Amino acid sequence: MAGVIGSASAFFLWALDAVTRVRFSAPGLIFLLPVVGLVMGVIYQRYGKSAEAGTNLLIDEIHEPGAGVPRRMAPLILFGTLLTHLFGGSAGREGTALQMGGGIAAVFARWFKLDVAGVRLLLMAGVAAGFGSVFGTPIAGAVFAVEVLVVGGIRTAALMPCFVAALVADWTCRAWGGSHTVYPVVAAPSDVWLLGKVLLGGLAFGLAARLFAAVSHRLSEQFKARITRPELRPVVGGFLVLGLLFLCGSSDYLGLGVLGSHPGAVTLPSLFTVTPISSLAWLWKLVFTVVTLSSGFKGGEVTPLFFIGAALGHSLAAVLGAPVDLFAALGFVAIFAGASKTPIASTLLGLELFGAQNGIYLAAACLVAYHCSGQRGIYRTQRSA
C-alpha cells in the first residue's frame, strides 16, 4: 500500500509542477477559473457524493468506520487539485496527499477484507504515507496521522505501522524522482532574548492560525447558506479570486506559492531570504486561499499555511530584529501547529525540513502557537481528548 501511495505522490508532485509551469506560460488561464469551478462543481455533485467531505471524511472513518471511503476519492481529488492549480486557485497539496493515501488504503482494506480495527489502522497508515511522501518528512507524517485525530490525544499503538508506511512511501516517491524544496536555515545562537522574541512570534502565529480557521469555517458556511446549488459556489469563488487579483495587483498569491512566475516574485523559498516583501503578504495569501477553498475548489490548506506563516515570520523578523530565515521557518511550522492542532508533528516537521540546530526555537514556537490558536482547527471532524 505504501509503495502505491508513494508512486501516486511522485506523479502528483510531477504533475503539480507541470501544470504550474503551464499556467505561468499562459497567464490568461486565470480568467477561466469560474468556468473550471463550474465544471468541478458539476463533477463532484454527479460523481463525488461522500468524497466531497475530503479529509474530514477520512478522520470520521478512522474514528468510526461506517460507509467507507469511496474508491473515487483518490482520482477525483487528484484531478480537482490539478485543475485548481492549472487555472490559478490558491490551494495546497496536503489535502490531496491525505485523500489519495486514504482512498488507496481503503481499496487495500477491501481487498484484504479487514475487520474494523484493521480498516482503521490501514487508513491511518495511508494518511501517514500520503503526508510523509508528499512533503518528504516520514517522521512528521507518522506522528501527524496519529495526532490529528484527537486534539490532545495520540494513539501510540498505531505509530509503528504509520512510521513504516510513511518511510516506505517516502522512499518510493524519491525513487521515482520526486523532489522536495530545500529551505536552508542557519543555526541561531542560544540566547534568552531571542527565545523571548520566538515566544512573541509564536503568539502571532497562533493568532494567525486562529484567524485562518475561523474565516475558513465562516466563509464556507456563508457559501452554503447563500448559494443553495453546490455546483455554483466555485463559480462565485472564481470571480472573487479574480476580483482579489485586480485588487492587490499581483499574481504572487495564486497557486501553490513555491514557484514564481517572474523574477522577484514572492515565493516560499524567497521568504527565507532578506528580500523585502509587503508586510501584508501573509494576509493576501490568507484571503486568496480561504476564498478558493471555502467556495469548493480542491487542494489543501497546509502549503498555503506554510506560505502565510513564513511571510508573517519574515515581517516579524524585521520588526523584532531577529534572523529572517529562522522566523520564516518558525512561522512555516508554528501556524500549521495551531491550525491543525498537531504541535508535536509540526515540531518534527520543522526538524526534518530545517535541521535540529534550531530545535528549541521550533518547539517553543509550535507549542505557543498551538495554545494561542483557540479550540477549533481547520479539520471539522477532529475530536477533543
Protein backbone atom coordinates (compact mmCIF):
# COMPACT_ATOMS: atom_id res chain seq x y z
CA MET A 1 0.00 0.00 0.00
CA ALA A 2 2.74 2.43 0.96
CA GLY A 3 4.57 1.75 -2.30
CA VAL A 4 1.46 2.58 -4.32
CA ILE A 5 0.85 5.78 -2.33
CA GLY A 6 4.49 6.85 -2.75
CA SER A 7 4.20 6.30 -6.50
CA ALA A 8 0.97 8.32 -6.59
CA SER A 9 2.68 11.14 -4.66
CA ALA A 10 5.59 11.17 -7.10
CA PHE A 11 3.18 11.50 -10.03
CA PHE A 12 1.21 14.19 -8.19
CA LEU A 13 4.33 16.26 -7.46
CA TRP A 14 5.47 16.00 -11.08
CA ALA A 15 2.01 16.90 -12.41
CA LEU A 16 1.63 19.80 -9.99
CA ASP A 17 4.93 21.27 -11.12
CA ALA A 18 3.93 20.77 -14.78
CA VAL A 19 0.52 22.47 -14.53
CA THR A 20 2.05 25.35 -12.56
CA ARG A 21 4.57 25.99 -15.33
CA VAL A 22 1.80 25.80 -17.95
CA ARG A 23 -0.10 28.47 -16.01
CA PHE A 24 3.00 30.66 -15.92
CA SER A 25 3.37 30.34 -19.70
CA ALA A 26 -0.32 31.16 -20.28
CA PRO A 27 -1.34 33.72 -17.63
CA GLY A 28 -4.71 34.24 -19.31
CA LEU A 29 -5.85 30.86 -17.93
CA ILE A 30 -6.76 32.60 -14.68
CA PHE A 31 -9.78 34.19 -16.39
CA LEU A 32 -11.24 30.72 -16.95
CA LEU A 33 -11.23 29.95 -13.21
CA PRO A 34 -15.02 30.48 -12.80
CA VAL A 35 -15.71 28.15 -15.75
CA VAL A 36 -13.42 25.49 -14.30
CA GLY A 37 -15.18 25.98 -10.97
CA LEU A 38 -18.49 25.11 -12.62
CA VAL A 39 -17.01 22.00 -14.23
CA MET A 40 -15.52 20.88 -10.94
CA GLY A 41 -18.74 21.56 -9.07
CA VAL A 42 -20.81 19.53 -11.55
CA ILE A 43 -18.35 16.61 -11.46
CA TYR A 44 -18.36 16.44 -7.67
CA GLN A 45 -22.14 16.75 -7.49
CA ARG A 46 -22.64 14.00 -10.03
CA TYR A 47 -19.87 11.60 -9.09
CA GLY A 48 -18.29 12.78 -5.84
CA LYS A 49 -21.03 12.05 -3.30
CA SER A 50 -19.40 11.45 0.09
CA ALA A 51 -15.91 12.11 -1.35
CA GLU A 52 -16.80 15.81 -1.25
CA ALA A 53 -16.13 15.77 2.52
CA GLY A 54 -12.44 15.06 1.81
CA THR A 55 -10.05 14.87 4.75
CA ASN A 56 -12.89 15.26 7.25
CA LEU A 57 -14.43 12.05 5.88
CA LEU A 58 -11.14 10.22 6.42
CA ILE A 59 -10.94 11.38 10.04
CA ASP A 60 -14.55 10.34 10.60
CA GLU A 61 -13.96 6.90 9.07
CA ILE A 62 -10.91 6.34 11.25
CA HIS A 63 -12.91 7.20 14.35
CA GLU A 64 -15.95 5.13 13.36
CA PRO A 65 -15.61 3.03 10.17
CA GLY A 66 -19.01 3.03 8.52
CA ALA A 67 -19.98 3.52 4.90
CA GLY A 68 -16.32 3.51 3.97
CA VAL A 69 -14.06 5.75 1.89
CA PRO A 70 -15.25 5.72 -1.74
CA ARG A 71 -12.87 4.40 -4.41
CA ARG A 72 -13.40 7.55 -6.44
CA MET A 73 -11.87 9.79 -3.74
CA ALA A 74 -8.23 9.46 -4.93
CA PRO A 75 -8.76 10.13 -8.68
CA LEU A 76 -11.30 12.90 -8.03
CA ILE A 77 -9.10 14.85 -5.62
CA LEU A 78 -6.06 14.44 -7.90
CA PHE A 79 -7.97 15.73 -10.93
CA GLY A 80 -9.64 18.53 -8.97
CA THR A 81 -6.41 19.77 -7.40
CA LEU A 82 -4.54 19.83 -10.71
CA LEU A 83 -7.41 21.81 -12.28
CA THR A 84 -7.38 24.28 -9.39
CA HIS A 85 -3.64 24.90 -9.78
CA LEU A 86 -3.69 24.99 -13.58
CA PHE A 87 -6.16 27.86 -13.54
CA GLY A 88 -4.69 29.79 -10.62
CA GLY A 89 -6.64 28.87 -7.50
CA SER A 90 -4.72 29.34 -4.24
CA ALA A 91 -4.54 25.88 -2.69
CA GLY A 92 -2.06 23.37 -1.36
CA ARG A 93 -1.19 19.72 -1.79
CA GLU A 94 -1.57 18.20 1.69
CA GLY A 95 -5.31 17.60 1.34
CA THR A 96 -4.71 15.81 -1.95
CA ALA A 97 -1.94 13.67 -0.47
CA LEU A 98 -4.05 12.67 2.55
CA GLN A 99 -7.10 11.86 0.45
CA MET A 100 -5.11 9.90 -2.12
CA GLY A 101 -3.45 8.00 0.71
CA GLY A 102 -6.75 7.32 2.45
CA GLY A 103 -8.51 6.36 -0.78
CA ILE A 104 -5.79 3.90 -1.77
CA ALA A 105 -5.69 2.49 1.77
CA ALA A 106 -9.46 1.92 1.65
CA VAL A 107 -9.08 -0.09 -1.57
CA PHE A 108 -6.43 -2.30 0.07
CA ALA A 109 -8.65 -2.74 3.13
CA ARG A 110 -11.45 -4.05 0.90
CA TRP A 111 -9.10 -6.37 -0.98
CA PHE A 112 -7.87 -7.94 2.25
CA LYS A 113 -11.34 -7.92 3.85
CA LEU A 114 -10.04 -6.39 7.06
CA ASP A 115 -12.13 -6.02 10.20
CA VAL A 116 -12.99 -2.64 11.73
CA ALA A 117 -9.72 -2.37 13.66
CA GLY A 118 -7.73 -3.30 10.55
CA VAL A 119 -9.54 -0.73 8.41
CA ARG A 120 -8.89 1.96 10.99
CA LEU A 121 -5.20 1.12 11.18
CA LEU A 122 -4.74 0.94 7.40
CA LEU A 123 -6.47 4.31 6.91
CA MET A 124 -4.16 5.90 9.47
CA ALA A 125 -1.14 4.35 7.72
CA GLY A 126 -2.45 5.66 4.39
CA VAL A 127 -2.70 9.19 5.81
CA ALA A 128 0.85 8.89 7.17
CA ALA A 129 2.15 7.63 3.82
CA GLY A 130 0.48 10.44 1.90
CA PHE A 131 1.74 13.19 4.20
CA GLY A 132 5.23 11.77 4.59
CA SER A 133 5.81 11.22 0.88
CA VAL A 134 4.42 14.48 -0.47
CA PHE A 135 6.49 16.61 1.94
CA GLY A 136 9.49 14.27 2.27
CA THR A 137 9.01 14.09 6.05
CA PRO A 138 8.20 10.50 7.09
CA ILE A 139 8.62 11.03 10.85
CA ALA A 140 6.26 14.01 10.88
CA GLY A 141 3.87 12.09 8.60
CA ALA A 142 3.67 9.17 11.03
CA VAL A 143 3.05 11.38 14.07
CA PHE A 144 0.60 13.60 12.19
CA ALA A 145 -1.56 10.59 11.33
CA VAL A 146 -1.99 9.66 14.99
CA GLU A 147 -2.06 13.20 16.41
CA VAL A 148 -4.56 14.85 14.08
CA LEU A 149 -7.45 12.56 15.03
CA VAL A 150 -7.95 13.75 18.59
CA VAL A 151 -6.89 17.17 19.88
CA GLY A 152 -4.78 16.45 22.95
CA GLY A 153 -4.52 12.71 22.41
CA ILE A 154 -2.21 10.39 20.45
CA ARG A 155 -2.89 6.75 19.52
CA THR A 156 0.58 5.44 20.18
CA ALA A 157 -0.35 1.86 19.23
CA ALA A 158 -0.57 2.95 15.59
CA LEU A 159 2.80 4.73 15.49
CA MET A 160 4.88 1.81 14.21
CA PRO A 161 2.72 0.87 11.19
CA CYS A 162 2.25 4.56 10.39
CA PHE A 163 6.01 5.12 10.54
CA VAL A 164 6.75 2.12 8.30
CA ALA A 165 4.12 3.28 5.79
CA ALA A 166 5.41 6.86 5.75
CA LEU A 167 9.02 5.72 5.37
CA VAL A 168 8.32 3.29 2.52
CA ALA A 169 6.10 5.82 0.73
CA ASP A 170 8.79 8.49 1.03
CA TRP A 171 11.48 6.12 -0.29
CA THR A 172 9.22 5.13 -3.18
CA CYS A 173 8.44 8.73 -4.05
CA ARG A 174 12.13 9.63 -4.07
CA ALA A 175 12.99 6.54 -6.12
CA TRP A 176 10.60 7.78 -8.82
CA GLY A 177 12.42 11.13 -8.83
CA GLY A 178 10.01 13.03 -6.61
CA SER A 179 11.79 16.13 -5.35
CA HIS A 180 11.14 18.45 -2.41
CA THR A 181 12.02 22.09 -1.87
CA VAL A 182 15.08 22.75 0.31
CA TYR A 183 14.91 25.65 2.79
CA PRO A 184 18.37 26.47 4.21
CA VAL A 185 18.20 27.85 7.75
CA VAL A 186 21.33 28.91 9.65
CA ALA A 187 21.73 27.77 13.26
CA ALA A 188 20.76 30.61 15.60
CA PRO A 189 22.73 31.19 18.83
CA SER A 190 21.29 30.18 22.20
CA ASP A 191 20.04 33.49 23.54
CA VAL A 192 17.35 34.27 26.12
CA TRP A 193 16.37 37.47 24.28
CA LEU A 194 15.99 35.60 21.02
CA LEU A 195 13.86 33.00 22.83
CA GLY A 196 11.64 35.83 24.07
CA LYS A 197 11.21 37.04 20.51
CA VAL A 198 10.39 33.49 19.43
CA LEU A 199 7.67 33.27 22.08
CA LEU A 200 6.17 36.55 20.83
CA GLY A 201 6.33 35.17 17.31
CA GLY A 202 4.57 32.00 18.45
CA LEU A 203 1.74 34.15 19.81
CA ALA A 204 1.39 35.92 16.46
CA PHE A 205 1.47 32.64 14.54
CA GLY A 206 -1.19 31.15 16.81
CA LEU A 207 -3.48 34.13 16.30
CA ALA A 208 -2.95 33.93 12.53
CA ALA A 209 -3.86 30.22 12.62
CA ARG A 210 -6.96 31.08 14.63
CA LEU A 211 -7.91 33.73 12.07
CA PHE A 212 -7.41 31.33 9.16
CA ALA A 213 -9.56 28.59 10.72
CA ALA A 214 -12.31 30.98 11.81
CA VAL A 215 -12.58 32.79 8.48
CA SER A 216 -12.45 29.48 6.56
CA HIS A 217 -15.33 27.97 8.52
CA ARG A 218 -17.36 31.16 8.47
CA LEU A 219 -16.97 31.76 4.74
CA SER A 220 -17.74 28.12 3.94
CA GLU A 221 -20.96 28.40 5.94
CA GLN A 222 -21.87 31.60 4.11
CA PHE A 223 -21.32 29.98 0.70
CA LYS A 224 -23.59 27.09 1.69
CA ALA A 225 -26.27 29.35 3.16
CA ARG A 226 -26.40 31.90 0.33
CA ILE A 227 -25.77 29.65 -2.70
CA THR A 228 -28.03 26.63 -2.44
CA ARG A 229 -26.74 24.96 -5.62
CA PRO A 230 -23.32 23.50 -4.72
CA GLU A 231 -22.01 23.49 -8.29
CA LEU A 232 -22.36 27.30 -8.44
CA ARG A 233 -20.26 28.01 -5.36
CA PRO A 234 -16.89 27.54 -7.13
CA VAL A 235 -18.13 29.82 -9.92
CA VAL A 236 -18.68 32.64 -7.43
CA GLY A 237 -15.39 31.78 -5.76
CA GLY A 238 -13.60 32.01 -9.10
CA PHE A 239 -14.96 35.50 -9.72
CA LEU A 240 -13.96 36.54 -6.19
CA VAL A 241 -10.40 35.33 -6.80
CA LEU A 242 -10.28 37.40 -10.00
CA GLY A 243 -11.51 40.41 -8.03
CA LEU A 244 -8.79 39.88 -5.43
CA LEU A 245 -6.21 39.62 -8.21
CA PHE A 246 -7.19 43.01 -9.60
CA LEU A 247 -7.41 44.49 -6.10
CA CYS A 248 -3.91 43.50 -4.99
CA GLY A 249 -2.33 43.82 -8.44
CA SER A 250 -0.07 40.79 -8.02
CA SER A 251 -0.26 37.17 -9.14
CA ASP A 252 2.18 36.06 -6.42
CA TYR A 253 -0.65 34.77 -4.23
CA LEU A 254 -2.13 32.41 -6.81
CA GLY A 255 -1.36 28.71 -6.94
CA LEU A 256 0.88 26.82 -4.56
CA GLY A 257 3.32 29.63 -3.83
CA VAL A 258 6.52 27.58 -4.19
CA LEU A 259 7.47 28.65 -7.74
CA GLY A 260 7.49 32.23 -9.02
CA SER A 261 6.04 33.36 -12.33
CA HIS A 262 8.57 36.19 -12.69
CA PRO A 263 11.91 37.34 -11.22
CA GLY A 264 11.37 38.89 -7.81
CA ALA A 265 8.10 37.08 -7.17
CA VAL A 266 7.16 36.38 -3.56
CA THR A 267 7.56 32.60 -3.11
CA LEU A 268 8.09 30.29 -0.18
CA PRO A 269 11.87 29.99 -0.79
CA SER A 270 12.21 33.78 -1.16
CA LEU A 271 10.62 34.30 2.27
CA PHE A 272 13.72 32.71 3.83
CA THR A 273 15.93 35.48 2.43
CA VAL A 274 16.25 39.16 3.32
CA THR A 275 14.48 40.17 0.10
CA PRO A 276 11.96 42.90 1.03
CA ILE A 277 8.30 41.91 0.79
CA SER A 278 4.99 43.59 1.57
CA SER A 279 4.12 43.45 5.27
CA LEU A 280 0.64 42.29 4.19
CA ALA A 281 1.84 39.40 2.02
CA TRP A 282 0.69 36.88 4.64
CA LEU A 283 -2.78 38.42 4.78
CA TRP A 284 -3.19 38.48 0.99
CA LYS A 285 -2.27 34.78 0.79
CA LEU A 286 -4.71 34.01 3.61
CA VAL A 287 -7.60 35.74 1.83
CA PHE A 288 -6.83 34.16 -1.57
CA THR A 289 -6.65 30.69 -0.01
CA VAL A 290 -9.76 30.99 2.14
CA VAL A 291 -11.86 32.18 -0.81
CA THR A 292 -10.52 29.43 -3.09
CA LEU A 293 -11.07 26.51 -0.73
CA SER A 294 -14.25 27.70 1.01
CA SER A 295 -16.03 28.04 -2.32
CA GLY A 296 -15.35 24.42 -3.28
CA PHE A 297 -12.09 24.32 -5.24
CA LYS A 298 -9.90 21.34 -4.42
CA GLY A 299 -6.49 21.18 -2.79
CA GLY A 300 -5.13 21.51 0.71
CA GLU A 301 -4.66 24.22 3.29
CA VAL A 302 -1.21 23.29 4.54
CA THR A 303 1.20 24.64 1.89
CA PRO A 304 -0.68 27.98 1.82
CA LEU A 305 -0.43 27.95 5.63
CA PHE A 306 3.33 27.42 5.27
CA PHE A 307 3.41 30.47 2.97
CA ILE A 308 1.28 32.57 5.34
CA GLY A 309 3.40 31.64 8.36
CA ALA A 310 6.71 32.19 6.59
CA ALA A 311 5.56 35.57 5.25
CA LEU A 312 4.37 36.64 8.70
CA GLY A 313 7.65 35.43 10.19
CA HIS A 314 9.58 37.40 7.57
CA SER A 315 7.72 40.58 8.54
CA LEU A 316 8.08 39.93 12.28
CA ALA A 317 11.83 39.39 11.92
CA ALA A 318 12.20 42.91 10.54
CA VAL A 319 10.20 44.38 13.44
CA LEU A 320 11.87 42.35 16.19
CA GLY A 321 15.39 42.46 14.80
CA ALA A 322 15.60 38.68 14.51
CA PRO A 323 17.07 36.35 11.86
CA VAL A 324 14.78 36.28 8.84
CA ASP A 325 15.43 32.65 7.91
CA LEU A 326 14.77 31.48 11.47
CA PHE A 327 11.48 33.35 11.81
CA ALA A 328 10.32 32.24 8.38
CA ALA A 329 10.97 28.65 9.47
CA LEU A 330 9.17 29.22 12.78
CA GLY A 331 6.13 30.66 11.05
CA PHE A 332 6.22 27.85 8.49
CA VAL A 333 5.62 25.16 11.12
CA ALA A 334 4.03 27.06 14.00
CA ILE A 335 0.98 28.28 12.07
CA PHE A 336 0.45 24.67 10.94
CA ALA A 337 0.66 23.54 14.57
CA GLY A 338 -2.08 25.98 15.51
CA ALA A 339 -4.34 25.37 12.53
CA SER A 340 -4.13 21.56 12.52
CA LYS A 341 -3.80 21.13 16.31
CA THR A 342 -0.70 18.97 15.86
CA PRO A 343 2.17 20.66 17.77
CA ILE A 344 4.31 17.51 18.05
CA ALA A 345 4.07 16.61 14.37
CA SER A 346 4.72 20.24 13.44
CA THR A 347 7.86 20.37 15.58
CA LEU A 348 9.11 17.16 13.96
CA LEU A 349 8.25 18.63 10.56
CA GLY A 350 10.50 21.58 11.37
CA LEU A 351 13.33 19.31 12.48
CA GLU A 352 13.12 17.25 9.28
CA LEU A 353 12.92 20.27 6.97
CA PHE A 354 15.27 22.73 8.68
CA GLY A 355 17.56 20.58 10.84
CA ALA A 356 17.83 20.05 14.57
CA GLN A 357 20.09 23.04 15.23
CA ASN A 358 17.11 25.30 15.98
CA GLY A 359 15.01 22.62 17.66
CA ILE A 360 14.37 24.56 20.88
CA TYR A 361 13.04 27.57 18.98
CA LEU A 362 10.91 25.42 16.66
CA ALA A 363 9.34 23.55 19.59
CA ALA A 364 8.72 26.74 21.55
CA ALA A 365 7.01 28.48 18.62
CA CYS A 366 4.84 25.44 17.82
CA LEU A 367 3.70 24.96 21.41
CA VAL A 368 2.86 28.63 21.95
CA ALA A 369 1.03 28.84 18.62
CA TYR A 370 -0.94 25.70 19.48
CA HIS A 371 -2.06 27.11 22.83
CA CYS A 372 -2.96 30.52 21.34
CA SER A 373 -4.91 29.23 18.33
CA GLY A 374 -8.26 28.56 20.00
CA GLN A 375 -10.28 25.38 20.28
CA ARG A 376 -11.19 24.92 16.64
CA GLY A 377 -8.78 23.94 13.89
CA ILE A 378 -9.14 23.54 10.14
CA TYR A 379 -10.49 19.97 10.40
CA ARG A 380 -14.13 19.92 11.49
CA THR A 381 -14.21 16.24 12.46
CA GLN A 382 -11.32 16.35 14.91
CA ARG A 383 -12.36 15.26 18.39
CA SER A 384 -11.25 16.52 21.76
CA ALA A 385 -9.45 14.27 24.22
